[in-house]
N, C-alpha and C. Protein backbone atom coordinates (compact mmCIF):
# COMPACT_ATOMS: atom_id res chain seq x y z
N UNK A 1 -86.73 73.53 102.90
CA UNK A 1 -85.66 73.89 101.99
C UNK A 1 -84.37 74.12 102.76
N UNK A 2 -84.51 74.74 103.95
CA UNK A 2 -83.30 74.96 104.76
C UNK A 2 -82.64 73.64 105.11
N UNK A 3 -83.44 72.66 105.49
CA UNK A 3 -82.88 71.35 105.86
C UNK A 3 -82.17 70.70 104.67
N UNK A 4 -82.75 70.82 103.49
CA UNK A 4 -82.13 70.22 102.30
C UNK A 4 -80.80 70.91 101.97
N UNK A 5 -80.75 72.21 102.14
CA UNK A 5 -79.49 72.92 101.91
C UNK A 5 -78.47 72.61 102.99
N UNK A 6 -78.92 72.40 104.22
CA UNK A 6 -78.00 72.04 105.30
C UNK A 6 -77.34 70.70 105.01
N UNK A 7 -78.14 69.73 104.52
CA UNK A 7 -77.60 68.41 104.16
C UNK A 7 -76.55 68.55 103.05
N UNK A 8 -76.76 69.51 102.16
CA UNK A 8 -75.81 69.74 101.06
C UNK A 8 -74.63 70.63 101.50
N UNK A 9 -74.61 71.00 102.77
CA UNK A 9 -73.56 71.89 103.33
C UNK A 9 -73.49 73.22 102.61
N UNK A 10 -74.64 73.73 102.19
CA UNK A 10 -74.71 75.03 101.53
C UNK A 10 -75.17 76.07 102.56
N UNK A 11 -74.24 76.49 103.42
CA UNK A 11 -74.56 77.42 104.49
C UNK A 11 -74.96 78.79 103.96
N UNK A 12 -74.44 79.17 102.81
CA UNK A 12 -74.79 80.47 102.23
C UNK A 12 -76.30 80.54 101.97
N UNK A 13 -76.85 79.49 101.37
CA UNK A 13 -78.28 79.48 101.08
C UNK A 13 -79.09 79.30 102.37
N UNK A 14 -78.61 78.50 103.30
CA UNK A 14 -79.30 78.35 104.59
C UNK A 14 -79.44 79.71 105.24
N UNK A 15 -78.38 80.50 105.23
CA UNK A 15 -78.41 81.83 105.84
C UNK A 15 -79.40 82.75 105.12
N UNK A 16 -79.44 82.68 103.80
CA UNK A 16 -80.40 83.49 103.05
C UNK A 16 -81.83 83.11 103.44
N UNK A 17 -82.08 81.81 103.56
CA UNK A 17 -83.44 81.35 103.90
C UNK A 17 -83.80 81.67 105.34
N UNK A 18 -82.81 81.82 106.20
CA UNK A 18 -83.05 82.19 107.60
C UNK A 18 -83.69 83.56 107.73
N UNK A 19 -83.59 84.39 106.69
CA UNK A 19 -84.19 85.72 106.72
C UNK A 19 -85.72 85.69 106.71
N UNK A 20 -86.28 84.52 106.49
CA UNK A 20 -87.74 84.38 106.42
C UNK A 20 -88.19 83.55 107.62
N UNK A 21 -88.86 84.19 108.54
CA UNK A 21 -89.25 83.55 109.80
C UNK A 21 -90.50 82.69 109.63
N UNK A 22 -90.31 81.52 109.10
CA UNK A 22 -91.43 80.63 108.80
C UNK A 22 -92.00 79.96 110.05
N UNK A 23 -91.31 80.08 111.17
CA UNK A 23 -91.74 79.39 112.39
C UNK A 23 -92.54 80.29 113.34
N UNK A 24 -93.19 81.31 112.79
CA UNK A 24 -93.96 82.24 113.60
C UNK A 24 -95.39 82.32 113.10
N UNK A 25 -96.29 82.69 114.01
CA UNK A 25 -97.70 82.85 113.62
C UNK A 25 -97.89 84.13 112.81
N UNK A 26 -96.97 85.08 112.94
CA UNK A 26 -97.01 86.32 112.18
C UNK A 26 -96.69 86.00 110.72
N UNK A 27 -97.61 86.30 109.82
CA UNK A 27 -97.42 85.93 108.42
C UNK A 27 -96.92 87.08 107.56
N UNK A 28 -96.47 88.17 108.17
CA UNK A 28 -96.01 89.32 107.38
C UNK A 28 -94.81 88.97 106.50
N UNK A 29 -94.04 87.96 106.88
CA UNK A 29 -92.88 87.54 106.10
C UNK A 29 -93.28 86.96 104.73
N UNK A 30 -94.53 86.52 104.61
CA UNK A 30 -94.97 85.90 103.37
C UNK A 30 -94.85 86.83 102.16
N UNK A 31 -95.16 88.10 102.35
CA UNK A 31 -95.08 89.05 101.23
C UNK A 31 -93.67 89.11 100.68
N UNK A 32 -92.69 89.18 101.56
CA UNK A 32 -91.30 89.20 101.12
C UNK A 32 -90.90 87.87 100.50
N UNK A 33 -91.37 86.78 101.10
CA UNK A 33 -91.00 85.44 100.65
C UNK A 33 -91.46 85.16 99.22
N UNK A 34 -92.72 85.49 98.91
CA UNK A 34 -93.24 85.19 97.58
C UNK A 34 -92.62 86.05 96.49
N UNK A 35 -92.01 87.17 96.86
CA UNK A 35 -91.33 88.01 95.88
C UNK A 35 -89.82 87.77 95.90
N UNK A 36 -89.36 86.90 96.76
CA UNK A 36 -87.92 86.71 96.97
C UNK A 36 -87.28 85.86 95.87
N UNK A 37 -86.16 86.33 95.33
CA UNK A 37 -85.45 85.51 94.34
C UNK A 37 -84.92 84.22 94.98
N UNK A 38 -84.64 84.23 96.27
CA UNK A 38 -84.15 83.02 96.95
C UNK A 38 -85.18 81.90 96.89
N UNK A 39 -86.46 82.25 96.96
CA UNK A 39 -87.52 81.24 96.92
C UNK A 39 -87.48 80.48 95.61
N UNK A 40 -87.50 81.22 94.51
CA UNK A 40 -87.50 80.59 93.19
C UNK A 40 -86.21 79.82 92.97
N UNK A 41 -85.10 80.41 93.31
CA UNK A 41 -83.81 79.75 93.15
C UNK A 41 -83.77 78.44 93.94
N UNK A 42 -84.17 78.51 95.20
CA UNK A 42 -84.13 77.32 96.06
C UNK A 42 -85.04 76.21 95.53
N UNK A 43 -86.27 76.55 95.17
CA UNK A 43 -87.20 75.53 94.68
C UNK A 43 -86.63 74.83 93.45
N UNK A 44 -86.07 75.59 92.52
CA UNK A 44 -85.57 74.98 91.29
C UNK A 44 -84.26 74.24 91.51
N UNK A 45 -83.36 74.79 92.32
CA UNK A 45 -82.11 74.09 92.58
C UNK A 45 -82.36 72.75 93.29
N UNK A 46 -83.39 72.72 94.13
CA UNK A 46 -83.70 71.49 94.88
C UNK A 46 -84.60 70.53 94.10
N UNK A 47 -85.00 70.91 92.89
CA UNK A 47 -85.82 70.02 92.06
C UNK A 47 -87.28 70.00 92.45
N UNK A 48 -87.75 71.03 93.14
CA UNK A 48 -89.15 71.05 93.57
C UNK A 48 -89.93 72.22 93.06
N UNK A 49 -89.41 72.92 92.06
CA UNK A 49 -90.13 74.05 91.48
C UNK A 49 -91.16 73.57 90.48
N UNK A 50 -91.21 74.19 89.34
CA UNK A 50 -92.20 73.84 88.34
C UNK A 50 -92.05 72.39 87.89
N UNK A 51 -90.81 71.99 87.59
CA UNK A 51 -90.50 70.61 87.22
C UNK A 51 -89.17 70.23 87.87
N UNK A 52 -88.99 68.96 88.15
CA UNK A 52 -87.80 68.52 88.89
C UNK A 52 -86.49 68.87 88.20
N UNK A 53 -86.45 68.83 86.89
CA UNK A 53 -85.20 69.10 86.17
C UNK A 53 -85.07 70.54 85.70
N UNK A 54 -86.10 71.35 85.94
CA UNK A 54 -86.07 72.73 85.48
C UNK A 54 -85.26 73.59 86.45
N UNK A 55 -84.32 74.34 85.94
CA UNK A 55 -83.45 75.15 86.79
C UNK A 55 -83.84 76.62 86.81
N UNK A 56 -84.68 77.06 85.88
CA UNK A 56 -85.00 78.48 85.79
C UNK A 56 -86.36 78.68 85.15
N UNK A 57 -87.15 79.60 85.68
CA UNK A 57 -88.44 79.94 85.08
C UNK A 57 -88.22 80.57 83.70
N UNK A 58 -87.16 81.36 83.58
CA UNK A 58 -86.88 82.03 82.31
C UNK A 58 -86.64 81.01 81.20
N UNK A 59 -85.72 80.07 81.42
CA UNK A 59 -85.41 79.09 80.36
C UNK A 59 -86.44 77.96 80.31
N UNK A 60 -87.02 77.61 81.45
CA UNK A 60 -87.93 76.47 81.50
C UNK A 60 -89.36 76.77 81.12
N UNK A 61 -89.81 78.01 81.33
CA UNK A 61 -91.20 78.34 81.02
C UNK A 61 -91.30 79.53 80.07
N UNK A 62 -90.67 80.64 80.43
CA UNK A 62 -90.81 81.87 79.64
C UNK A 62 -90.41 81.66 78.18
N UNK A 63 -89.19 81.19 77.95
CA UNK A 63 -88.75 80.98 76.57
C UNK A 63 -89.58 79.91 75.87
N UNK A 64 -89.94 78.86 76.59
CA UNK A 64 -90.78 77.80 76.01
C UNK A 64 -92.13 78.37 75.58
N UNK A 65 -92.70 79.21 76.44
CA UNK A 65 -93.99 79.82 76.15
C UNK A 65 -93.90 80.70 74.90
N UNK A 66 -92.83 81.44 74.76
CA UNK A 66 -92.68 82.31 73.59
C UNK A 66 -92.56 81.53 72.29
N UNK A 67 -92.13 80.27 72.37
CA UNK A 67 -92.00 79.42 71.18
C UNK A 67 -93.26 78.59 70.90
N UNK A 68 -94.21 78.60 71.82
CA UNK A 68 -95.41 77.77 71.69
C UNK A 68 -96.30 78.27 70.55
N UNK A 69 -96.51 77.44 69.55
CA UNK A 69 -97.30 77.84 68.39
C UNK A 69 -98.81 77.65 68.60
N UNK A 70 -99.20 77.13 69.76
CA UNK A 70 -100.63 76.98 70.05
C UNK A 70 -101.28 78.32 70.37
N UNK A 71 -100.46 79.33 70.67
CA UNK A 71 -100.94 80.68 70.97
C UNK A 71 -100.38 81.66 69.96
N UNK A 72 -101.09 82.76 69.73
CA UNK A 72 -100.53 83.81 68.90
C UNK A 72 -99.45 84.53 69.70
N UNK A 73 -98.62 85.30 69.04
CA UNK A 73 -97.58 86.05 69.74
C UNK A 73 -98.20 86.99 70.78
N UNK A 74 -99.30 87.63 70.43
CA UNK A 74 -99.98 88.53 71.38
C UNK A 74 -100.47 87.77 72.59
N UNK A 75 -101.05 86.59 72.39
CA UNK A 75 -101.52 85.78 73.52
C UNK A 75 -100.36 85.37 74.42
N UNK A 76 -99.24 85.02 73.82
CA UNK A 76 -98.07 84.62 74.61
C UNK A 76 -97.60 85.77 75.49
N UNK A 77 -97.60 86.97 74.96
CA UNK A 77 -97.20 88.14 75.74
C UNK A 77 -98.23 88.44 76.82
N UNK A 78 -99.51 88.29 76.50
CA UNK A 78 -100.58 88.56 77.47
C UNK A 78 -100.51 87.62 78.68
N UNK A 79 -100.06 86.39 78.49
CA UNK A 79 -99.89 85.46 79.61
C UNK A 79 -98.99 86.10 80.66
N UNK A 80 -97.86 86.63 80.24
CA UNK A 80 -96.89 87.21 81.17
C UNK A 80 -97.35 88.56 81.70
N UNK A 81 -98.07 89.33 80.88
CA UNK A 81 -98.62 90.59 81.37
C UNK A 81 -99.66 90.32 82.45
N UNK A 82 -100.47 89.29 82.24
CA UNK A 82 -101.48 88.92 83.24
C UNK A 82 -100.85 88.48 84.55
N UNK A 83 -99.80 87.69 84.44
CA UNK A 83 -99.09 87.24 85.64
C UNK A 83 -98.51 88.43 86.40
N UNK A 84 -97.90 89.36 85.68
CA UNK A 84 -97.33 90.55 86.32
C UNK A 84 -98.42 91.40 86.95
N UNK A 85 -99.57 91.51 86.28
CA UNK A 85 -100.68 92.30 86.81
C UNK A 85 -101.20 91.70 88.12
N UNK A 86 -101.43 90.40 88.14
CA UNK A 86 -101.97 89.73 89.33
C UNK A 86 -101.05 89.94 90.53
N UNK A 87 -99.75 89.91 90.29
CA UNK A 87 -98.80 90.07 91.39
C UNK A 87 -98.89 91.44 92.05
N UNK A 88 -99.52 92.40 91.39
CA UNK A 88 -99.65 93.76 91.95
C UNK A 88 -101.03 93.99 92.57
N UNK A 89 -101.86 92.98 92.61
CA UNK A 89 -103.21 93.12 93.15
C UNK A 89 -103.31 92.46 94.52
N UNK A 90 -104.36 92.79 95.28
CA UNK A 90 -104.53 92.16 96.59
C UNK A 90 -104.60 90.64 96.54
N UNK A 91 -105.09 90.09 95.44
CA UNK A 91 -105.19 88.63 95.32
C UNK A 91 -103.83 87.95 95.48
N UNK A 92 -102.78 88.62 95.05
CA UNK A 92 -101.43 88.04 95.16
C UNK A 92 -101.09 87.73 96.61
N UNK A 93 -101.57 88.55 97.52
CA UNK A 93 -101.27 88.34 98.93
C UNK A 93 -102.38 87.61 99.67
N UNK A 94 -103.62 87.79 99.21
CA UNK A 94 -104.73 87.06 99.83
C UNK A 94 -104.53 85.56 99.72
N UNK A 95 -103.98 85.11 98.60
CA UNK A 95 -103.78 83.67 98.38
C UNK A 95 -102.81 83.08 99.39
N UNK A 96 -101.92 83.89 99.92
CA UNK A 96 -100.92 83.40 100.87
C UNK A 96 -101.54 82.99 102.20
N UNK A 97 -102.65 83.62 102.53
CA UNK A 97 -103.30 83.31 103.81
C UNK A 97 -104.57 82.48 103.64
N UNK A 98 -104.85 82.07 102.43
CA UNK A 98 -106.01 81.24 102.15
C UNK A 98 -105.77 79.82 102.64
N UNK A 99 -106.65 79.34 103.49
CA UNK A 99 -106.57 77.98 104.00
C UNK A 99 -107.78 77.24 103.46
N UNK A 100 -107.54 76.37 102.51
CA UNK A 100 -108.63 75.71 101.81
C UNK A 100 -109.53 74.92 102.76
N UNK A 101 -108.97 74.27 103.76
CA UNK A 101 -109.78 73.47 104.70
C UNK A 101 -110.77 74.34 105.47
N UNK A 102 -110.41 75.59 105.74
CA UNK A 102 -111.31 76.50 106.43
C UNK A 102 -112.37 77.07 105.50
N UNK A 103 -111.98 77.37 104.28
CA UNK A 103 -112.87 78.04 103.33
C UNK A 103 -113.72 77.08 102.50
N UNK A 104 -113.18 75.90 102.22
CA UNK A 104 -113.90 74.93 101.38
C UNK A 104 -113.82 73.55 102.05
N UNK A 105 -114.59 73.34 103.11
CA UNK A 105 -114.51 72.04 103.79
C UNK A 105 -115.22 70.92 103.03
N UNK A 106 -116.10 71.31 102.11
CA UNK A 106 -116.89 70.30 101.40
C UNK A 106 -117.21 70.78 99.98
N UNK A 107 -117.22 69.82 99.05
CA UNK A 107 -117.60 70.10 97.67
C UNK A 107 -118.79 69.21 97.30
N UNK A 108 -119.56 69.66 96.34
CA UNK A 108 -120.67 68.86 95.84
C UNK A 108 -120.32 68.18 94.52
N UNK A 109 -119.09 68.33 94.10
CA UNK A 109 -118.62 67.75 92.84
C UNK A 109 -117.38 66.90 93.11
N UNK A 110 -117.05 66.00 92.20
CA UNK A 110 -115.82 65.20 92.37
C UNK A 110 -114.58 66.08 92.32
N UNK A 111 -113.52 65.63 92.99
CA UNK A 111 -112.23 66.33 92.95
C UNK A 111 -111.11 65.31 92.87
N UNK A 112 -110.10 65.66 92.10
CA UNK A 112 -108.94 64.79 91.90
C UNK A 112 -107.68 65.61 92.15
N UNK A 113 -106.79 65.08 92.94
CA UNK A 113 -105.49 65.71 93.21
C UNK A 113 -104.43 64.93 92.45
N UNK A 114 -103.70 65.60 91.60
CA UNK A 114 -102.54 65.01 90.92
C UNK A 114 -101.33 65.71 91.53
N UNK A 115 -100.68 65.07 92.48
CA UNK A 115 -99.69 65.71 93.33
C UNK A 115 -98.28 65.19 93.08
N UNK A 116 -97.39 66.11 92.77
CA UNK A 116 -95.97 65.77 92.61
C UNK A 116 -95.32 65.66 93.98
N UNK A 117 -94.71 64.53 94.24
CA UNK A 117 -94.10 64.29 95.54
C UNK A 117 -92.93 65.25 95.83
N UNK A 118 -92.30 65.78 94.79
CA UNK A 118 -91.17 66.69 94.97
C UNK A 118 -91.61 68.16 94.99
N UNK A 119 -92.89 68.43 94.92
CA UNK A 119 -93.43 69.79 94.80
C UNK A 119 -93.11 70.64 96.03
N UNK A 120 -92.40 71.74 95.81
CA UNK A 120 -92.14 72.71 96.87
C UNK A 120 -92.98 73.96 96.67
N UNK A 121 -93.71 74.04 95.56
CA UNK A 121 -94.60 75.17 95.32
C UNK A 121 -95.89 74.98 96.11
N UNK A 122 -96.51 73.82 95.97
CA UNK A 122 -97.68 73.43 96.76
C UNK A 122 -97.26 72.17 97.51
N UNK A 123 -96.88 72.34 98.73
CA UNK A 123 -96.31 71.27 99.55
C UNK A 123 -97.12 69.97 99.46
N UNK A 124 -96.44 68.90 99.06
CA UNK A 124 -97.08 67.61 98.87
C UNK A 124 -97.82 67.14 100.13
N UNK A 125 -97.17 67.23 101.29
CA UNK A 125 -97.82 66.76 102.53
C UNK A 125 -99.04 67.59 102.87
N UNK A 126 -99.00 68.89 102.55
CA UNK A 126 -100.18 69.73 102.80
C UNK A 126 -101.31 69.39 101.84
N UNK A 127 -100.95 69.01 100.60
CA UNK A 127 -101.97 68.59 99.65
C UNK A 127 -102.68 67.34 100.15
N UNK A 128 -101.88 66.41 100.66
CA UNK A 128 -102.44 65.16 101.18
C UNK A 128 -103.35 65.41 102.39
N UNK A 129 -102.92 66.33 103.24
CA UNK A 129 -103.72 66.69 104.41
C UNK A 129 -105.04 67.33 104.00
N UNK A 130 -104.97 68.23 103.03
CA UNK A 130 -106.18 68.88 102.51
C UNK A 130 -107.13 67.83 101.94
N UNK A 131 -106.58 66.91 101.17
CA UNK A 131 -107.37 65.83 100.58
C UNK A 131 -108.10 65.02 101.66
N UNK A 132 -107.38 64.67 102.71
CA UNK A 132 -107.98 63.82 103.74
C UNK A 132 -109.09 64.53 104.51
N UNK A 133 -109.01 65.85 104.63
CA UNK A 133 -110.01 66.62 105.37
C UNK A 133 -111.22 67.00 104.51
N UNK A 134 -111.02 67.09 103.22
CA UNK A 134 -112.06 67.55 102.32
C UNK A 134 -113.14 66.50 102.12
N UNK A 135 -114.38 66.94 102.19
CA UNK A 135 -115.51 66.06 101.92
C UNK A 135 -115.98 66.32 100.50
N UNK A 136 -116.19 65.23 99.76
CA UNK A 136 -116.66 65.32 98.38
C UNK A 136 -117.33 63.99 98.03
N UNK A 137 -118.29 64.01 97.09
CA UNK A 137 -118.97 62.77 96.72
C UNK A 137 -118.02 61.74 96.11
N UNK A 138 -116.96 62.23 95.50
CA UNK A 138 -115.96 61.35 94.89
C UNK A 138 -114.65 62.12 94.89
N UNK A 139 -113.60 61.48 95.37
CA UNK A 139 -112.31 62.16 95.35
C UNK A 139 -111.20 61.13 95.16
N UNK A 140 -110.12 61.60 94.53
CA UNK A 140 -108.98 60.74 94.29
C UNK A 140 -107.69 61.52 94.51
N UNK A 141 -106.71 60.85 95.03
CA UNK A 141 -105.39 61.45 95.25
C UNK A 141 -104.36 60.59 94.56
N UNK A 142 -103.57 61.20 93.69
CA UNK A 142 -102.61 60.47 92.87
C UNK A 142 -101.21 61.06 93.11
N UNK A 143 -100.32 60.25 93.61
CA UNK A 143 -98.95 60.68 93.86
C UNK A 143 -98.09 60.42 92.64
N UNK A 144 -97.38 61.47 92.22
CA UNK A 144 -96.43 61.36 91.13
C UNK A 144 -95.05 61.46 91.74
N UNK A 145 -94.42 60.31 91.93
CA UNK A 145 -93.15 60.23 92.65
C UNK A 145 -92.02 60.97 91.98
N UNK A 146 -92.04 61.10 90.67
CA UNK A 146 -90.93 61.70 89.94
C UNK A 146 -91.27 63.09 89.41
N UNK A 147 -92.20 63.77 90.09
CA UNK A 147 -92.64 65.09 89.64
C UNK A 147 -92.59 66.11 90.76
N UNK A 148 -92.51 67.37 90.33
CA UNK A 148 -92.62 68.50 91.25
C UNK A 148 -94.01 69.09 91.05
N UNK A 149 -94.09 70.36 90.64
CA UNK A 149 -95.36 71.07 90.55
C UNK A 149 -96.16 70.76 89.28
N UNK A 150 -95.57 70.08 88.32
CA UNK A 150 -96.23 69.87 87.03
C UNK A 150 -96.23 68.40 86.60
N UNK A 151 -96.94 67.54 87.32
CA UNK A 151 -96.94 66.12 86.93
C UNK A 151 -97.49 65.87 85.53
N UNK A 152 -98.36 66.75 85.04
CA UNK A 152 -98.89 66.58 83.69
C UNK A 152 -97.78 66.63 82.64
N UNK A 153 -96.74 67.41 82.91
CA UNK A 153 -95.62 67.53 81.97
C UNK A 153 -94.51 66.54 82.28
N UNK A 154 -94.34 66.17 83.54
CA UNK A 154 -93.23 65.30 83.92
C UNK A 154 -93.56 63.82 83.79
N UNK A 155 -94.80 63.46 84.01
CA UNK A 155 -95.23 62.07 83.87
C UNK A 155 -96.53 62.04 83.06
N UNK A 156 -96.45 62.50 81.79
CA UNK A 156 -97.65 62.68 80.99
C UNK A 156 -98.45 61.41 80.70
N UNK A 157 -97.76 60.28 80.54
CA UNK A 157 -98.48 59.04 80.24
C UNK A 157 -99.38 58.65 81.41
N UNK A 158 -98.83 58.70 82.61
CA UNK A 158 -99.62 58.33 83.80
C UNK A 158 -100.76 59.33 84.00
N UNK A 159 -100.47 60.63 83.83
CA UNK A 159 -101.51 61.65 83.99
C UNK A 159 -102.65 61.41 82.99
N UNK A 160 -102.31 61.12 81.74
CA UNK A 160 -103.33 60.87 80.72
C UNK A 160 -104.16 59.64 81.06
N UNK A 161 -103.50 58.63 81.59
CA UNK A 161 -104.20 57.41 82.00
C UNK A 161 -105.20 57.69 83.12
N UNK A 162 -104.80 58.49 84.08
CA UNK A 162 -105.69 58.86 85.19
C UNK A 162 -106.87 59.68 84.67
N UNK A 163 -106.57 60.65 83.81
CA UNK A 163 -107.64 61.48 83.27
C UNK A 163 -108.63 60.64 82.46
N UNK A 164 -108.13 59.73 81.65
CA UNK A 164 -109.01 58.90 80.82
C UNK A 164 -109.76 57.85 81.62
N UNK A 165 -109.06 57.15 82.52
CA UNK A 165 -109.66 56.02 83.22
C UNK A 165 -110.41 56.36 84.49
N UNK A 166 -110.02 57.44 85.16
CA UNK A 166 -110.67 57.78 86.42
C UNK A 166 -111.53 59.05 86.30
N UNK A 167 -110.90 60.15 85.92
CA UNK A 167 -111.63 61.43 85.88
C UNK A 167 -112.78 61.37 84.88
N UNK A 168 -112.51 60.98 83.66
CA UNK A 168 -113.56 60.94 82.64
C UNK A 168 -114.61 59.86 82.92
N UNK A 169 -114.23 58.82 83.64
CA UNK A 169 -115.16 57.74 83.95
C UNK A 169 -115.87 57.95 85.30
N UNK A 170 -115.44 58.98 86.04
CA UNK A 170 -116.06 59.24 87.34
C UNK A 170 -115.73 58.18 88.37
N UNK A 171 -114.47 57.74 88.39
CA UNK A 171 -114.06 56.72 89.35
C UNK A 171 -112.74 57.13 89.99
N UNK A 172 -112.25 56.30 90.89
CA UNK A 172 -110.95 56.54 91.52
C UNK A 172 -110.16 55.24 91.62
N UNK A 173 -110.20 54.46 90.57
CA UNK A 173 -109.58 53.13 90.60
C UNK A 173 -108.07 53.17 90.81
N UNK A 174 -107.40 54.22 90.39
CA UNK A 174 -105.95 54.28 90.50
C UNK A 174 -105.49 55.12 91.69
N UNK A 175 -106.41 55.68 92.46
CA UNK A 175 -106.06 56.58 93.56
C UNK A 175 -105.20 55.87 94.60
N UNK A 176 -104.25 56.62 95.19
CA UNK A 176 -103.38 56.00 96.18
C UNK A 176 -103.63 56.52 97.60
N UNK A 177 -104.78 57.11 97.83
CA UNK A 177 -105.14 57.54 99.19
C UNK A 177 -106.62 57.23 99.41
N UNK A 178 -106.91 56.77 100.59
CA UNK A 178 -108.26 56.36 101.01
C UNK A 178 -108.83 55.33 100.07
């Protein structure tokens, strides 16, 4: 993110991001980073947050969720209460140090990665690396070039096609890795 802001000559944001020492083995900075408003702002301004065109969680998800008629009003509120609750539990920080390749090197079931190439929430290159190391009886990796963290919403036709033709059929005919 720092490099992208440097290219845009946004030194103010580069300086804000410099407060997080990502180049150290000490991971104590992660707690501050995941709660930092700069993180959310940067991901969305750079088009790599929840969706490439979404500029704010409040307008892009929160308000949308409150209008969703698939849930009752109570359920809609519980979604956000649950999110707030999880952020106050040890799991909120345990996930920051979870390395899937160390904890889950092999699966006994098929796995499919639907990865947005612009994703800054779950780094696309790290997803690809995880995929290549993971052993599974069947696996597929699908790159969504025009998506960030939510390819199901940004490229729904392609996602539906993959789910119908590969996932439901137990194949990887459209996979773009291995």
